[in-house]
Amino acid sequence: MSSLSTSSLPRSRPAVVAAATDWLICLQCDPTPADLSRWQTWRAANPDHELAWQRVAAMAQTLEEHAAKLPGAAASQVVEQVSRSQAGRRRLLAALLGVSATGGLVMATGEPAPWRLWTAAYRSGVGERRLLTLEDGTRLMLNTRSAVDTRFDARARRIVLVEGEIHIESGQDALGRPMIVETRSGFISPIGTRFTVRQLGEEAQTHVAVLEGAVRIQTRASGTELRLNRGERTAFDRDGVDAVRPSPANADAWTSGMLFADDWRLQDFLAELGRYRRGFLRCDPTVADLRITGAFPVQDTDKVLRLMERILPVRVHRRTAYWVTVGP
């Protein structure tokens, strides 16, 4: 874990990322010497251009490496055939990167667009917990596969949860600026507090648990407001807020690298455990409703899977290290 200030890593804006994607596509389609010269000029014109280029190029390389490892000849043939022509390769890269050649988004789901994840100010990798100290003294921890942006100005301290789960211990700002945590569902304003916020890619709701102090929740579309106090939790979407419930004592167990299950369905447990490991972790429907209780360290998910075979009537089937099924 590390401690960084908010100014230690610049953020690329969507238009810059779109431009970097255009250059990537151009370079994959037999560029001319003039193209190469303009590309170098663009990169040197602004530090944000170089940052966006490095991130987009790295992501494209990772995607192509994964495509090369797809199981089955059919999938590989599709990629190969589409990539043979310049136009096909342009379409393929644009689709993989989630933007059009002109910079418009081609994704219309509720999930964050890929550029939002790649260009977030702070990100954590699979299985990583990352601790940050922001310029106002706020302590921010990112759980596995999480991304946030920070936008501090003269009027407010804004933390944008792009994806994943965070733990916040708000600092006392010398300028008296309010703190606002923003998600796709709405806004959370802490009142001298310590709390967790979670919103995963496919979830419409934001989940909040207050450990100390209190927070005020406001939904994005309807403007519904709710005060959440210490020991309480709830979930909300753009239009409304669920009923307030007691927050479990281990609501922030993940900050210590632990996963607590209290009579969970096995399918739900494996979905959560899968966030801490690479590849696919699947639950066979025939064992999905088995129940599991316990405390499990997430640093070694293979060890957790081996333990499951001892405490439940299941067997872990490994097609590869990255394709695992838990079945009867």
C-alpha atoms as a PDB file:
ATOM      1  CA  MET A   1       0.000   0.000   0.000  1.00  0.00           C
ATOM      2  CA  SER A   2       1.160   3.506  -0.745  1.00  0.00           C
ATOM      3  CA  SER A   3       0.409   7.126   0.104  1.00  0.00           C
ATOM      4  CA  LEU A   4       0.001   9.648  -2.701  1.00  0.00           C
ATOM      5  CA  SER A   5      -1.290  13.176  -3.161  1.00  0.00           C
ATOM      6  CA  THR A   6      -4.041  13.937  -5.644  1.00  0.00           C
ATOM      7  CA  SER A   7      -1.612  15.869  -7.816  1.00  0.00           C
ATOM      8  CA  SER A   8       0.799  12.970  -8.302  1.00  0.00           C
ATOM      9  CA  LEU A   9      -0.968  11.538 -11.338  1.00  0.00           C
ATOM     10  CA  PRO A  10      -2.680  13.669 -14.001  1.00  0.00           C
ATOM     11  CA  ARG A  11      -5.952  12.571 -15.551  1.00  0.00           C
ATOM     12  CA  SER A  12      -6.705  12.368 -19.258  1.00  0.00           C
ATOM     13  CA  ARG A  13      -9.938  13.847 -20.521  1.00  0.00           C
ATOM     14  CA  PRO A  14     -12.290  11.838 -22.759  1.00  0.00           C
ATOM     15  CA  ALA A  15     -11.470  13.903 -25.863  1.00  0.00           C
ATOM     16  CA  VAL A  16      -7.755  13.274 -25.341  1.00  0.00           C
ATOM     17  CA  VAL A  17      -8.358   9.554 -24.904  1.00  0.00           C
ATOM     18  CA  ALA A  18     -10.457   9.518 -28.079  1.00  0.00           C
ATOM     19  CA  ALA A  19      -7.619  11.250 -29.947  1.00  0.00           C
ATOM     20  CA  ALA A  20      -5.122   8.711 -28.611  1.00  0.00           C
ATOM     21  CA  THR A  21      -7.404   5.934 -29.842  1.00  0.00           C
ATOM     22  CA  ASP A  22      -7.568   7.548 -33.282  1.00  0.00           C
ATOM     23  CA  TRP A  23      -3.765   7.571 -33.416  1.00  0.00           C
ATOM     24  CA  LEU A  24      -3.596   3.945 -32.323  1.00  0.00           C
ATOM     25  CA  ILE A  25      -5.970   2.948 -35.108  1.00  0.00           C
ATOM     26  CA  CYS A  26      -4.021   5.060 -37.595  1.00  0.00           C
ATOM     27  CA  LEU A  27      -0.734   3.386 -36.676  1.00  0.00           C
ATOM     28  CA  GLN A  28      -2.309  -0.045 -37.125  1.00  0.00           C
ATOM     29  CA  CYS A  29      -3.318   0.832 -40.700  1.00  0.00           C
ATOM     30  CA  ASP A  30      -0.035   1.370 -42.604  1.00  0.00           C
ATOM     31  CA  PRO A  31       0.764   4.968 -41.553  1.00  0.00           C
ATOM     32  CA  THR A  32       2.705   7.262 -43.859  1.00  0.00           C
ATOM     33  CA  PRO A  33       5.874   9.101 -42.742  1.00  0.00           C
ATOM     34  CA  ALA A  34       3.718  12.222 -42.450  1.00  0.00           C
ATOM     35  CA  ASP A  35       1.321  10.351 -40.160  1.00  0.00           C
ATOM     36  CA  LEU A  36       4.201   9.291 -37.908  1.00  0.00           C
ATOM     37  CA  SER A  37       5.502  12.851 -37.744  1.00  0.00           C
ATOM     38  CA  ARG A  38       2.088  14.252 -36.781  1.00  0.00           C
ATOM     39  CA  TRP A  39       1.672  11.488 -34.191  1.00  0.00           C
ATOM     40  CA  GLN A  40       4.981  12.388 -32.533  1.00  0.00           C
ATOM     41  CA  THR A  41       4.052  16.073 -32.592  1.00  0.00           C
ATOM     42  CA  TRP A  42       0.710  15.348 -30.956  1.00  0.00           C
ATOM     43  CA  ARG A  43       2.320  13.285 -28.187  1.00  0.00           C
ATOM     44  CA  ALA A  44       4.870  16.007 -27.437  1.00  0.00           C
ATOM     45  CA  ALA A  45       2.310  18.821 -27.418  1.00  0.00           C
ATOM     46  CA  ASN A  46       0.903  18.092 -23.954  1.00  0.00           C
ATOM     47  CA  PRO A  47       1.773  15.733 -21.067  1.00  0.00           C
ATOM     48  CA  ASP A  48      -1.851  14.543 -21.026  1.00  0.00           C
ATOM     49  CA  HIS A  49      -1.467  13.422 -24.646  1.00  0.00           C
ATOM     50  CA  GLU A  50       1.490  11.217 -23.761  1.00  0.00           C
ATOM     51  CA  LEU A  51      -0.311   9.816 -20.704  1.00  0.00           C
ATOM     52  CA  ALA A  52      -3.401   8.957 -22.757  1.00  0.00           C
ATOM     53  CA  TRP A  53      -1.268   7.390 -25.478  1.00  0.00           C
ATOM     54  CA  GLN A  54       0.608   5.163 -23.041  1.00  0.00           C
ATOM     55  CA  ARG A  55      -2.583   3.955 -21.397  1.00  0.00           C
ATOM     56  CA  VAL A  56      -4.509   3.308 -24.610  1.00  0.00           C
ATOM     57  CA  ALA A  57      -1.553   1.538 -26.243  1.00  0.00           C
ATOM     58  CA  ALA A  58      -1.021  -0.642 -23.165  1.00  0.00           C
ATOM     59  CA  MET A  59      -4.705  -1.595 -23.051  1.00  0.00           C
ATOM     60  CA  ALA A  60      -4.751  -2.439 -26.755  1.00  0.00           C
ATOM     61  CA  GLN A  61      -1.725  -4.695 -26.310  1.00  0.00           C
ATOM     62  CA  THR A  62      -3.374  -6.461 -23.387  1.00  0.00           C
ATOM     63  CA  LEU A  63      -6.589  -6.973 -25.343  1.00  0.00           C
ATOM     64  CA  GLU A  64      -4.743  -8.438 -28.312  1.00  0.00           C
ATOM     65  CA  GLU A  65      -2.774 -10.773 -26.035  1.00  0.00           C
ATOM     66  CA  HIS A  66      -6.029 -11.999 -24.518  1.00  0.00           C
ATOM     67  CA  ALA A  67      -7.616 -12.422 -27.951  1.00  0.00           C
ATOM     68  CA  ALA A  68      -4.693 -14.609 -29.027  1.00  0.00           C
ATOM     69  CA  LYS A  69      -5.410 -16.918 -26.084  1.00  0.00           C
ATOM     70  CA  LEU A  70      -9.141 -17.342 -26.757  1.00  0.00           C
ATOM     71  CA  PRO A  71     -10.139 -21.029 -26.602  1.00  0.00           C
ATOM     72  CA  GLY A  72     -11.185 -22.638 -29.846  1.00  0.00           C
ATOM     73  CA  ALA A  73     -10.087 -22.084 -33.419  1.00  0.00           C
ATOM     74  CA  ALA A  74     -13.300 -20.313 -34.393  1.00  0.00           C
ATOM     75  CA  ALA A  75     -12.741 -17.320 -32.134  1.00  0.00           C
ATOM     76  CA  SER A  76      -9.161 -16.916 -33.313  1.00  0.00           C
ATOM     77  CA  GLN A  77     -10.264 -17.125 -36.945  1.00  0.00           C
ATOM     78  CA  VAL A  78     -12.810 -14.371 -36.430  1.00  0.00           C
ATOM     79  CA  VAL A  79     -10.174 -12.042 -35.002  1.00  0.00           C
ATOM     80  CA  GLU A  80      -7.745 -12.938 -37.757  1.00  0.00           C
ATOM     81  CA  GLN A  81     -10.252 -12.442 -40.560  1.00  0.00           C
ATOM     82  CA  VAL A  82     -11.524  -9.134 -39.223  1.00  0.00           C
ATOM     83  CA  SER A  83      -7.961  -7.911 -38.761  1.00  0.00           C
ATOM     84  CA  ARG A  84      -6.807  -8.651 -42.309  1.00  0.00           C
ATOM     85  CA  SER A  85      -8.138  -5.438 -43.823  1.00  0.00           C
ATOM     86  CA  GLN A  86      -7.420  -1.917 -42.663  1.00  0.00           C
ATOM     87  CA  ALA A  87     -11.125  -1.178 -42.291  1.00  0.00           C
ATOM     88  CA  GLY A  88     -11.692  -4.394 -40.375  1.00  0.00           C
ATOM     89  CA  ARG A  89      -8.792  -3.730 -38.047  1.00  0.00           C
ATOM     90  CA  ARG A  90     -10.063  -0.191 -37.457  1.00  0.00           C
ATOM     91  CA  ARG A  91     -13.502  -1.548 -36.496  1.00  0.00           C
ATOM     92  CA  LEU A  92     -11.982  -4.227 -34.262  1.00  0.00           C
ATOM     93  CA  LEU A  93      -9.731  -1.862 -32.331  1.00  0.00           C
ATOM     94  CA  ALA A  94     -12.458   0.743 -31.968  1.00  0.00           C
ATOM     95  CA  ALA A  95     -14.857  -1.883 -30.624  1.00  0.00           C
ATOM     96  CA  LEU A  96     -12.304  -3.275 -28.182  1.00  0.00           C
ATOM     97  CA  LEU A  97     -11.481   0.169 -26.859  1.00  0.00           C
ATOM     98  CA  GLY A  98     -15.130   1.166 -26.560  1.00  0.00           C
ATOM     99  CA  VAL A  99     -14.965   4.315 -28.692  1.00  0.00           C
ATOM    100  CA  SER A 100     -15.594   5.169 -32.305  1.00  0.00           C
ATOM    101  CA  ALA A 101     -12.908   6.537 -34.584  1.00  0.00           C
ATOM    102  CA  THR A 102     -14.367   9.996 -34.014  1.00  0.00           C
ATOM    103  CA  GLY A 103     -14.327   9.664 -30.238  1.00  0.00           C
ATOM    104  CA  GLY A 104     -18.015   8.903 -29.681  1.00  0.00           C
ATOM    105  CA  LEU A 105     -18.882   6.181 -27.173  1.00  0.00           C
ATOM    106  CA  VAL A 106     -20.316   2.999 -28.654  1.00  0.00           C
ATOM    107  CA  MET A 107     -21.426   1.578 -25.301  1.00  0.00           C
ATOM    108  CA  ALA A 108     -24.925   2.424 -24.109  1.00  0.00           C
ATOM    109  CA  THR A 109     -25.114   0.270 -20.978  1.00  0.00           C
ATOM    110  CA  GLY A 110     -25.105   1.396 -17.381  1.00  0.00           C
ATOM    111  CA  GLU A 111     -21.512   0.251 -16.955  1.00  0.00           C
ATOM    112  CA  PRO A 112     -18.692   2.811 -16.969  1.00  0.00           C
ATOM    113  CA  ALA A 113     -17.164   3.314 -20.413  1.00  0.00           C
ATOM    114  CA  PRO A 114     -13.715   1.707 -20.748  1.00  0.00           C
ATOM    115  CA  TRP A 115     -11.908   5.039 -21.029  1.00  0.00           C
ATOM    116  CA  ARG A 116     -13.307   6.018 -17.606  1.00  0.00           C
ATOM    117  CA  LEU A 117     -11.554   3.025 -16.042  1.00  0.00           C
ATOM    118  CA  TRP A 118      -8.281   3.366 -17.958  1.00  0.00           C
ATOM    119  CA  THR A 119      -7.918   7.083 -17.307  1.00  0.00           C
ATOM    120  CA  ALA A 120      -9.114   7.281 -13.696  1.00  0.00           C
ATOM    121  CA  ALA A 121      -6.754   9.164 -11.413  1.00  0.00           C
ATOM    122  CA  TYR A 122      -6.322   6.120  -9.170  1.00  0.00           C
ATOM    123  CA  ARG A 123      -6.921   2.448  -9.872  1.00  0.00           C
ATOM    124  CA  SER A 124      -6.325  -0.851  -8.107  1.00  0.00           C
ATOM    125  CA  GLY A 125      -5.546  -4.137  -9.789  1.00  0.00           C
ATOM    126  CA  VAL A 126      -7.100  -7.552  -9.266  1.00  0.00           C
ATOM    127  CA  GLY A 127      -6.623  -8.584  -5.641  1.00  0.00           C
ATOM    128  CA  GLU A 128      -4.954  -5.269  -4.763  1.00  0.00           C
ATOM    129  CA  ARG A 129      -5.881  -2.925  -1.924  1.00  0.00           C
ATOM    130  CA  ARG A 130      -4.493   0.570  -2.429  1.00  0.00           C
ATOM    131  CA  LEU A 131      -4.301   3.200   0.312  1.00  0.00           C
ATOM    132  CA  LEU A 132      -4.091   6.904  -0.594  1.00  0.00           C
ATOM    133  CA  THR A 133      -3.798  10.085   1.447  1.00  0.00           C
ATOM    134  CA  LEU A 134      -5.384  12.992  -0.424  1.00  0.00           C
ATOM    135  CA  GLU A 135      -4.252  16.609  -0.239  1.00  0.00           C
ATOM    136  CA  ASP A 136      -6.810  17.475   2.481  1.00  0.00           C
ATOM    137  CA  GLY A 137      -5.729  14.566   4.685  1.00  0.00           C
ATOM    138  CA  THR A 138      -8.591  12.278   3.676  1.00  0.00           C
ATOM    139  CA  ARG A 139      -7.587   8.608   3.726  1.00  0.00           C
ATOM    140  CA  LEU A 140      -8.967   6.663   0.796  1.00  0.00           C
ATOM    141  CA  MET A 141      -8.590   2.915   0.280  1.00  0.00           C
ATOM    142  CA  LEU A 142      -9.496   1.176  -2.980  1.00  0.00           C
ATOM    143  CA  ASN A 143     -10.579  -2.443  -2.906  1.00  0.00           C
ATOM    144  CA  THR A 144      -9.835  -4.895  -5.712  1.00  0.00           C
ATOM    145  CA  ARG A 145     -10.657  -3.757  -9.283  1.00  0.00           C
ATOM    146  CA  SER A 146     -11.621  -0.231  -8.273  1.00  0.00           C
ATOM    147  CA  ALA A 147     -11.142   3.181  -9.857  1.00  0.00           C
ATOM    148  CA  VAL A 148     -11.744   6.742  -8.663  1.00  0.00           C
ATOM    149  CA  ASP A 149     -11.268  10.300  -9.879  1.00  0.00           C
ATOM    150  CA  THR A 150     -10.633  13.248  -7.569  1.00  0.00           C
ATOM    151  CA  ARG A 151     -11.774  16.778  -8.419  1.00  0.00           C
ATOM    152  CA  PHE A 152     -10.749  19.320  -5.811  1.00  0.00           C
ATOM    153  CA  ASP A 153     -11.434  22.998  -6.511  1.00  0.00           C
ATOM    154  CA  ALA A 154     -12.189  26.161  -4.539  1.00  0.00           C
ATOM    155  CA  ARG A 155     -15.795  25.136  -3.887  1.00  0.00           C
ATOM    156  CA  ALA A 156     -15.756  21.412  -3.093  1.00  0.00           C
ATOM    157  CA  ARG A 157     -13.753  18.233  -2.675  1.00  0.00           C
ATOM    158  CA  ARG A 158     -15.256  15.705  -5.052  1.00  0.00           C
ATOM    159  CA  ILE A 159     -14.408  11.980  -5.199  1.00  0.00           C
ATOM    160  CA  VAL A 160     -15.948  10.133  -8.154  1.00  0.00           C
ATOM    161  CA  LEU A 161     -16.298   6.362  -7.788  1.00  0.00           C
ATOM    162  CA  VAL A 162     -15.909   5.108 -11.347  1.00  0.00           C
ATOM    163  CA  GLU A 163     -16.030   1.425 -10.422  1.00  0.00           C
ATOM    164  CA  GLY A 164     -15.590  -0.873  -7.447  1.00  0.00           C
ATOM    165  CA  GLU A 165     -15.448  -0.287  -3.707  1.00  0.00           C
ATOM    166  CA  ILE A 166     -13.797   2.326  -1.507  1.00  0.00           C
ATOM    167  CA  HIS A 167     -13.305   3.085   2.178  1.00  0.00           C
ATOM    168  CA  ILE A 168     -13.148   6.773   3.136  1.00  0.00           C
ATOM    169  CA  GLU A 169     -11.974   8.426   6.322  1.00  0.00           C
ATOM    170  CA  SER A 170     -12.736  12.072   5.631  1.00  0.00           C
ATOM    171  CA  GLY A 171     -10.201  14.714   6.617  1.00  0.00           C
ATOM    172  CA  GLN A 172     -10.750  18.197   8.061  1.00  0.00           C
ATOM    173  CA  ASP A 173     -10.317  20.584   5.154  1.00  0.00           C
ATOM    174  CA  ALA A 174      -8.442  23.796   6.023  1.00  0.00           C
ATOM    175  CA  LEU A 175     -10.565  25.704   3.482  1.00  0.00           C
ATOM    176  CA  GLY A 176     -13.865  24.395   4.815  1.00  0.00           C
ATOM    177  CA  ARG A 177     -14.877  22.870   1.491  1.00  0.00           C
ATOM    178  CA  PRO A 178     -17.609  20.200   1.616  1.00  0.00           C
ATOM    179  CA  MET A 179     -16.780  16.682   0.442  1.00  0.00           C
ATOM    180  CA  ILE A 180     -18.987  14.976  -2.117  1.00  0.00           C
ATOM    181  CA  VAL A 181     -18.662  11.345  -3.169  1.00  0.00           C
ATOM    182  CA  GLU A 182     -20.286  10.848  -6.563  1.00  0.00           C
ATOM    183  CA  THR A 183     -21.493   7.590  -8.125  1.00  0.00           C
ATOM    184  CA  ARG A 184     -23.756   6.749 -11.055  1.00  0.00           C
ATOM    185  CA  SER A 185     -26.664   6.622  -8.592  1.00  0.00           C
ATOM    186  CA  GLY A 186     -26.147   9.974  -6.892  1.00  0.00           C
ATOM    187  CA  PHE A 187     -24.192  11.820  -4.219  1.00  0.00           C
ATOM    188  CA  ILE A 188     -22.947  11.100  -0.691  1.00  0.00           C
ATOM    189  CA  SER A 189     -21.915  13.925   1.620  1.00  0.00           C
ATOM    190  CA  PRO A 190     -20.005  12.803   4.738  1.00  0.00           C
ATOM    191  CA  ILE A 191     -20.386  14.541   8.080  1.00  0.00           C
ATOM    192  CA  GLY A 192     -17.048  13.917   9.856  1.00  0.00           C
ATOM    193  CA  THR A 193     -17.197  10.265   9.113  1.00  0.00           C
ATOM    194  CA  ARG A 194     -15.754   6.918   8.074  1.00  0.00           C
ATOM    195  CA  PHE A 195     -17.755   4.890   5.556  1.00  0.00           C
ATOM    196  CA  THR A 196     -17.641   2.509   2.608  1.00  0.00           C
ATOM    197  CA  VAL A 197     -19.153   2.958  -0.862  1.00  0.00           C
ATOM    198  CA  ARG A 198     -19.566   0.261  -3.498  1.00  0.00           C
ATOM    199  CA  GLN A 199     -20.942   0.168  -7.035  1.00  0.00           C
ATOM    200  CA  LEU A 200     -19.908  -2.581  -9.424  1.00  0.00           C
ATOM    201  CA  GLY A 201     -20.178  -2.435 -13.199  1.00  0.00           C
ATOM    202  CA  GLU A 202     -23.444  -4.309 -13.651  1.00  0.00           C
ATOM    203  CA  GLU A 203     -25.149  -2.993 -10.529  1.00  0.00           C
ATOM    204  CA  ALA A 204     -27.704  -0.192 -10.756  1.00  0.00           C
ATOM    205  CA  GLN A 205     -27.406   0.545  -7.045  1.00  0.00           C
ATOM    206  CA  THR A 206     -24.762   2.144  -4.866  1.00  0.00           C
ATOM    207  CA  HIS A 207     -24.224   0.479  -1.486  1.00  0.00           C
ATOM    208  CA  VAL A 208     -23.205   2.625   1.518  1.00  0.00           C
ATOM    209  CA  ALA A 209     -22.286   1.577   5.066  1.00  0.00           C
ATOM    210  CA  VAL A 210     -21.434   4.121   7.783  1.00  0.00           C
ATOM    211  CA  LEU A 211     -18.809   3.083  10.334  1.00  0.00           C
ATOM    212  CA  GLU A 212     -18.440   6.417  12.154  1.00  0.00           C
ATOM    213  CA  GLY A 213     -20.318   9.714  11.983  1.00  0.00           C
ATOM    214  CA  ALA A 214     -23.050  10.119   9.374  1.00  0.00           C
ATOM    215  CA  VAL A 215     -23.599  10.776   5.660  1.00  0.00           C
ATOM    216  CA  ARG A 216     -26.321  12.436   3.606  1.00  0.00           C
ATOM    217  CA  ILE A 217     -27.436  10.604   0.464  1.00  0.00           C
ATOM    218  CA  GLN A 218     -29.080  12.307  -2.519  1.00  0.00           C
ATOM    219  CA  THR A 219     -30.287  10.370  -5.548  1.00  0.00           C
ATOM    220  CA  ARG A 220     -29.220  11.643  -8.951  1.00  0.00           C
ATOM    221  CA  ALA A 221     -32.568  11.715 -10.777  1.00  0.00           C
ATOM    222  CA  SER A 222     -35.301  12.234  -8.163  1.00  0.00           C
ATOM    223  CA  GLY A 223     -33.275  14.221  -5.625  1.00  0.00           C
ATOM    224  CA  THR A 224     -34.495  12.009  -2.759  1.00  0.00           C
ATOM    225  CA  GLU A 225     -32.423  12.615   0.377  1.00  0.00           C
ATOM    226  CA  LEU A 226     -31.649  10.428   3.391  1.00  0.00           C
ATOM    227  CA  ARG A 227     -29.359  10.715   6.401  1.00  0.00           C
ATOM    228  CA  LEU A 228     -27.471   7.533   7.238  1.00  0.00           C
ATOM    229  CA  ASN A 229     -25.965   7.260  10.726  1.00  0.00           C
ATOM    230  CA  ARG A 230     -23.247   5.177  12.349  1.00  0.00           C
ATOM    231  CA  GLY A 231     -23.942   1.453  12.209  1.00  0.00           C
ATOM    232  CA  GLU A 232     -26.418   1.794   9.327  1.00  0.00           C
ATOM    233  CA  ARG A 233     -26.321   0.802   5.680  1.00  0.00           C
ATOM    234  CA  THR A 234     -28.513   1.124   2.629  1.00  0.00           C
ATOM    235  CA  ALA A 235     -28.526   0.958  -1.151  1.00  0.00           C
ATOM    236  CA  PHE A 236     -29.852   3.518  -3.602  1.00  0.00           C
ATOM    237  CA  ASP A 237     -30.215   4.067  -7.327  1.00  0.00           C
ATOM    238  CA  ARG A 238     -30.905   7.164  -9.425  1.00  0.00           C
ATOM    239  CA  ASP A 239     -34.556   7.297  -8.350  1.00  0.00           C
ATOM    240  CA  GLY A 240     -34.856   6.057  -4.786  1.00  0.00           C
ATOM    241  CA  VAL A 241     -33.303   4.728  -1.584  1.00  0.00           C
ATOM    242  CA  ASP A 242     -33.867   1.318   0.002  1.00  0.00           C
ATOM    243  CA  ALA A 243     -34.855   0.872   3.634  1.00  0.00           C
ATOM    244  CA  VAL A 244     -32.096   1.499   6.190  1.00  0.00           C
ATOM    245  CA  ARG A 245     -30.673  -1.651   7.783  1.00  0.00           C
ATOM    246  CA  PRO A 246     -28.134  -2.345  10.535  1.00  0.00           C
ATOM    247  CA  SER A 247     -24.606  -2.532   9.160  1.00  0.00           C
ATOM    248  CA  PRO A 248     -22.668  -5.694  10.078  1.00  0.00           C
ATOM    249  CA  ALA A 249     -19.639  -5.279  12.326  1.00  0.00           C
ATOM    250  CA  ASN A 250     -17.422  -6.595   9.511  1.00  0.00           C
ATOM    251  CA  ALA A 251     -18.664  -4.152   6.862  1.00  0.00           C
ATOM    252  CA  ASP A 252     -15.082  -3.006   6.252  1.00  0.00           C
ATOM    253  CA  ALA A 253     -13.423  -6.423   6.655  1.00  0.00           C
ATOM    254  CA  TRP A 254     -12.033  -6.166   3.134  1.00  0.00           C
ATOM    255  CA  THR A 255      -9.733  -3.355   4.272  1.00  0.00           C
ATOM    256  CA  SER A 256      -7.877  -6.038   6.264  1.00  0.00           C
ATOM    257  CA  GLY A 257      -7.906  -8.510   3.384  1.00  0.00           C
ATOM    258  CA  MET A 258     -10.758 -10.637   4.726  1.00  0.00           C
ATOM    259  CA  LEU A 259     -14.034 -11.830   3.236  1.00  0.00           C
ATOM    260  CA  PHE A 260     -16.757 -12.644   5.777  1.00  0.00           C
ATOM    261  CA  ALA A 261     -19.662 -14.851   4.724  1.00  0.00           C
ATOM    262  CA  ASP A 262     -22.664 -15.223   7.017  1.00  0.00           C
ATOM    263  CA  ASP A 263     -24.851 -18.019   5.665  1.00  0.00           C
ATOM    264  CA  TRP A 264     -24.296 -16.895   2.070  1.00  0.00           C
ATOM    265  CA  ARG A 265     -25.397 -18.840  -0.986  1.00  0.00           C
ATOM    266  CA  LEU A 266     -22.357 -20.469  -2.538  1.00  0.00           C
ATOM    267  CA  GLN A 267     -23.035 -18.749  -5.850  1.00  0.00           C
ATOM    268  CA  ASP A 268     -23.002 -15.333  -4.170  1.00  0.00           C
ATOM    269  CA  PHE A 269     -19.861 -16.190  -2.242  1.00  0.00           C
ATOM    270  CA  LEU A 270     -18.008 -17.279  -5.393  1.00  0.00           C
ATOM    271  CA  ALA A 271     -19.141 -14.144  -7.245  1.00  0.00           C
ATOM    272  CA  GLU A 272     -17.554 -12.055  -4.490  1.00  0.00           C
ATOM    273  CA  LEU A 273     -14.422 -14.210  -4.269  1.00  0.00           C
ATOM    274  CA  GLY A 274     -14.053 -13.959  -8.045  1.00  0.00           C
ATOM    275  CA  ARG A 275     -13.460 -10.218  -7.774  1.00  0.00           C
ATOM    276  CA  TYR A 276     -10.109 -11.004  -6.125  1.00  0.00           C
ATOM    277  CA  ARG A 277      -8.732 -13.355  -8.791  1.00  0.00           C
ATOM    278  CA  ARG A 278      -8.034 -13.222 -12.511  1.00  0.00           C
ATOM    279  CA  GLY A 279     -10.059 -15.182 -15.012  1.00  0.00           C
ATOM    280  CA  PHE A 280     -13.444 -16.875 -14.611  1.00  0.00           C
ATOM    281  CA  LEU A 281     -14.724 -18.443 -11.387  1.00  0.00           C
ATOM    282  CA  ARG A 282     -17.997 -20.228 -12.129  1.00  0.00           C
ATOM    283  CA  CYS A 283     -20.499 -21.910  -9.833  1.00  0.00           C
ATOM    284  CA  ASP A 284     -22.336 -24.967 -11.144  1.00  0.00           C
ATOM    285  CA  PRO A 285     -26.109 -24.438 -10.713  1.00  0.00           C
ATOM    286  CA  THR A 286     -26.420 -27.775  -8.899  1.00  0.00           C
ATOM    287  CA  VAL A 287     -24.441 -26.432  -5.918  1.00  0.00           C
ATOM    288  CA  ALA A 288     -25.403 -22.755  -6.146  1.00  0.00           C
ATOM    289  CA  ASP A 289     -27.767 -22.906  -3.161  1.00  0.00           C
ATOM    290  CA  LEU A 290     -25.341 -24.511  -0.709  1.00  0.00           C
ATOM    291  CA  ARG A 291     -24.702 -22.228   2.260  1.00  0.00           C
ATOM    292  CA  ILE A 292     -21.332 -21.064   3.511  1.00  0.00           C
ATOM    293  CA  THR A 293     -20.230 -19.232   6.660  1.00  0.00           C
ATOM    294  CA  GLY A 294     -16.749 -18.173   7.699  1.00  0.00           C
ATOM    295  CA  ALA A 295     -13.882 -15.716   7.419  1.00  0.00           C
ATOM    296  CA  PHE A 296     -11.610 -16.134   4.415  1.00  0.00           C
ATOM    297  CA  PRO A 297      -8.360 -14.337   3.468  1.00  0.00           C
ATOM    298  CA  VAL A 298      -8.618 -13.039  -0.088  1.00  0.00           C
ATOM    299  CA  GLN A 299      -4.861 -12.776  -0.691  1.00  0.00           C
ATOM    300  CA  ASP A 300      -4.810 -16.475  -1.691  1.00  0.00           C
ATOM    301  CA  THR A 301      -8.054 -17.387  -3.432  1.00  0.00           C
ATOM    302  CA  ASP A 302      -6.753 -20.815  -4.457  1.00  0.00           C
ATOM    303  CA  LYS A 303      -6.303 -21.626  -0.777  1.00  0.00           C
ATOM    304  CA  VAL A 304      -9.914 -20.598  -0.149  1.00  0.00           C
ATOM    305  CA  LEU A 305     -11.065 -22.896  -2.951  1.00  0.00           C
ATOM    306  CA  ARG A 306      -9.121 -25.809  -1.488  1.00  0.00           C
ATOM    307  CA  LEU A 307     -10.701 -25.137   1.899  1.00  0.00           C
ATOM    308  CA  MET A 308     -14.158 -25.177   0.326  1.00  0.00           C
ATOM    309  CA  GLU A 309     -13.576 -28.728  -0.865  1.00  0.00           C
ATOM    310  CA  ARG A 310     -13.036 -29.730   2.772  1.00  0.00           C
ATOM    311  CA  ILE A 311     -16.073 -28.013   4.278  1.00  0.00           C
ATOM    312  CA  LEU A 312     -18.635 -28.438   1.488  1.00  0.00           C
ATOM    313  CA  PRO A 313     -19.636 -31.337  -0.803  1.00  0.00           C
ATOM    314  CA  VAL A 314     -18.033 -29.697  -3.831  1.00  0.00           C
ATOM    315  CA  ARG A 315     -15.116 -30.246  -6.169  1.00  0.00           C
ATOM    316  CA  VAL A 316     -13.059 -27.502  -7.823  1.00  0.00           C
ATOM    317  CA  HIS A 317     -12.540 -28.222 -11.530  1.00  0.00           C
ATOM    318  CA  ARG A 318      -9.680 -26.308 -13.175  1.00  0.00           C
ATOM    319  CA  ARG A 319      -9.843 -26.146 -16.945  1.00  0.00           C
ATOM    320  CA  THR A 320      -6.915 -23.715 -16.751  1.00  0.00           C
ATOM    321  CA  ALA A 321      -5.529 -21.507 -13.993  1.00  0.00           C
ATOM    322  CA  TYR A 322      -7.938 -18.820 -15.220  1.00  0.00           C
ATOM    323  CA  TRP A 323     -11.018 -20.954 -15.874  1.00  0.00           C
ATOM    324  CA  VAL A 324     -12.305 -22.596 -12.698  1.00  0.00           C
ATOM    325  CA  THR A 325     -15.685 -24.186 -11.950  1.00  0.00           C
ATOM    326  CA  VAL A 326     -16.983 -25.257  -8.544  1.00  0.00           C
ATOM    327  CA  GLY A 327     -19.332 -28.199  -8.972  1.00  0.00           C
ATOM    328  CA  PRO A 328     -20.684 -31.254  -7.166  1.00  0.00           C
END
